[in-house]
Amino acid sequence: MKRIAVDLAKSVYQVAESVRSGQVVQRKRLNREAFRRYIQEQTESVEWVM
């Protein structure tokens, strides 16, 4: 299972993906539409942290 941390803002979302050990493996900066698509693309089990 991966953990995805999200920093919510008015128009831009900062997203950081980490693996079980807690190591961040990817960071993204997404607008609202891209964030919506990003959520729908998640295929494995995810723990969301905001």
N, C-alpha and C. Protein backbone atom coordinates (compact mmCIF):
# COMPACT_ATOMS: atom_id res chain seq x y z
N MET A 1 0.85 -1.18 0.00
CA MET A 1 0.00 0.00 0.00
C MET A 1 0.89 1.23 0.00
N LYS A 2 0.51 2.22 -0.80
CA LYS A 2 1.27 3.46 -0.78
C LYS A 2 0.49 4.53 -0.04
N ARG A 3 1.22 5.52 0.43
CA ARG A 3 0.62 6.65 1.15
C ARG A 3 0.78 7.88 0.27
N ILE A 4 -0.30 8.64 0.14
CA ILE A 4 -0.27 9.86 -0.65
C ILE A 4 -0.67 11.02 0.26
N ALA A 5 0.25 11.97 0.41
CA ALA A 5 0.00 13.17 1.20
C ALA A 5 -0.41 14.29 0.25
N VAL A 6 -1.44 15.03 0.64
CA VAL A 6 -1.97 16.08 -0.22
C VAL A 6 -2.01 17.39 0.56
N ASP A 7 -1.46 18.44 -0.04
CA ASP A 7 -1.55 19.79 0.50
C ASP A 7 -2.59 20.51 -0.36
N LEU A 8 -3.74 20.78 0.22
CA LEU A 8 -4.84 21.40 -0.52
C LEU A 8 -4.70 22.91 -0.56
N ALA A 9 -5.00 23.48 -1.70
CA ALA A 9 -5.00 24.94 -1.87
C ALA A 9 -6.18 25.29 -2.78
N LYS A 10 -6.34 26.56 -3.08
CA LYS A 10 -7.47 26.98 -3.90
C LYS A 10 -7.40 26.43 -5.32
N SER A 11 -6.24 26.50 -5.94
CA SER A 11 -6.17 26.09 -7.34
C SER A 11 -5.08 25.07 -7.64
N VAL A 12 -4.14 24.86 -6.73
CA VAL A 12 -3.04 23.93 -6.97
C VAL A 12 -2.92 22.97 -5.79
N TYR A 13 -2.70 21.70 -6.10
CA TYR A 13 -2.54 20.68 -5.08
C TYR A 13 -1.12 20.13 -5.15
N GLN A 14 -0.44 20.07 -4.01
CA GLN A 14 0.88 19.46 -3.93
C GLN A 14 0.66 18.03 -3.45
N VAL A 15 1.22 17.06 -4.17
CA VAL A 15 1.02 15.65 -3.85
C VAL A 15 2.39 14.99 -3.67
N ALA A 16 2.53 14.19 -2.61
CA ALA A 16 3.77 13.43 -2.39
C ALA A 16 3.40 11.97 -2.17
N GLU A 17 3.96 11.08 -2.98
CA GLU A 17 3.73 9.64 -2.84
C GLU A 17 4.88 9.03 -2.07
N SER A 18 4.56 8.17 -1.11
CA SER A 18 5.61 7.47 -0.38
C SER A 18 5.28 5.98 -0.31
N VAL A 19 6.32 5.19 -0.13
CA VAL A 19 6.17 3.74 -0.01
C VAL A 19 6.09 3.38 1.46
N ARG A 20 5.92 2.11 1.74
CA ARG A 20 5.71 1.64 3.11
C ARG A 20 6.78 2.14 4.09
N SER A 21 8.03 2.24 3.65
CA SER A 21 9.12 2.67 4.53
C SER A 21 9.04 4.16 4.87
N GLY A 22 8.19 4.91 4.16
CA GLY A 22 8.04 6.34 4.41
C GLY A 22 8.85 7.20 3.46
N GLN A 23 9.64 6.58 2.61
CA GLN A 23 10.46 7.31 1.65
C GLN A 23 9.59 7.90 0.54
N VAL A 24 9.71 9.21 0.30
CA VAL A 24 8.96 9.86 -0.78
C VAL A 24 9.57 9.45 -2.11
N VAL A 25 8.73 8.91 -2.99
CA VAL A 25 9.21 8.44 -4.28
C VAL A 25 8.80 9.35 -5.43
N GLN A 26 7.81 10.21 -5.19
CA GLN A 26 7.37 11.09 -6.27
C GLN A 26 6.63 12.29 -5.69
N ARG A 27 6.87 13.45 -6.28
CA ARG A 27 6.15 14.68 -5.91
C ARG A 27 5.52 15.26 -7.17
N LYS A 28 4.31 15.81 -7.00
CA LYS A 28 3.61 16.40 -8.15
C LYS A 28 2.93 17.68 -7.71
N ARG A 29 2.75 18.58 -8.66
CA ARG A 29 1.97 19.81 -8.47
C ARG A 29 0.86 19.77 -9.51
N LEU A 30 -0.40 19.68 -9.05
CA LEU A 30 -1.52 19.44 -9.95
C LEU A 30 -2.60 20.52 -9.80
N ASN A 31 -3.24 20.88 -10.91
CA ASN A 31 -4.41 21.75 -10.82
C ASN A 31 -5.62 20.87 -10.48
N ARG A 32 -6.78 21.47 -10.33
CA ARG A 32 -7.96 20.70 -9.89
C ARG A 32 -8.31 19.55 -10.82
N GLU A 33 -8.33 19.81 -12.10
CA GLU A 33 -8.70 18.76 -13.07
C GLU A 33 -7.66 17.64 -13.09
N ALA A 34 -6.40 17.99 -13.07
CA ALA A 34 -5.33 16.98 -13.06
C ALA A 34 -5.39 16.16 -11.77
N PHE A 35 -5.73 16.80 -10.64
CA PHE A 35 -5.84 16.08 -9.37
C PHE A 35 -7.00 15.08 -9.43
N ARG A 36 -8.11 15.49 -10.00
CA ARG A 36 -9.26 14.59 -10.14
C ARG A 36 -8.88 13.36 -10.95
N ARG A 37 -8.18 13.55 -12.07
CA ARG A 37 -7.72 12.43 -12.90
C ARG A 37 -6.72 11.56 -12.14
N TYR A 38 -5.83 12.20 -11.40
CA TYR A 38 -4.82 11.48 -10.62
C TYR A 38 -5.48 10.53 -9.62
N ILE A 39 -6.50 11.00 -8.93
CA ILE A 39 -7.22 10.16 -7.96
C ILE A 39 -7.84 8.96 -8.66
N GLN A 40 -8.46 9.17 -9.80
CA GLN A 40 -9.12 8.09 -10.53
C GLN A 40 -8.13 7.07 -11.08
N GLU A 41 -6.90 7.48 -11.32
CA GLU A 41 -5.89 6.58 -11.88
C GLU A 41 -5.27 5.64 -10.84
N GLN A 42 -5.51 5.87 -9.56
CA GLN A 42 -4.89 5.03 -8.53
C GLN A 42 -5.53 3.64 -8.57
N THR A 43 -4.69 2.62 -8.78
CA THR A 43 -5.19 1.26 -8.93
C THR A 43 -4.95 0.39 -7.70
N GLU A 44 -3.93 0.71 -6.92
CA GLU A 44 -3.66 -0.10 -5.73
C GLU A 44 -4.22 0.59 -4.50
N SER A 45 -4.18 -0.11 -3.39
CA SER A 45 -4.67 0.43 -2.14
C SER A 45 -3.86 1.66 -1.73
N VAL A 46 -4.56 2.73 -1.32
CA VAL A 46 -3.90 3.99 -1.00
C VAL A 46 -4.38 4.49 0.35
N GLU A 47 -3.45 4.99 1.16
CA GLU A 47 -3.79 5.70 2.39
C GLU A 47 -3.62 7.18 2.09
N TRP A 48 -4.70 7.95 2.19
CA TRP A 48 -4.66 9.38 1.88
C TRP A 48 -4.42 10.17 3.16
N VAL A 49 -3.48 11.11 3.11
CA VAL A 49 -3.15 11.96 4.25
C VAL A 49 -3.27 13.41 3.81
N MET A 50 -4.03 14.20 4.58
CA MET A 50 -4.20 15.62 4.21
C MET A 50 -3.84 16.49 5.38
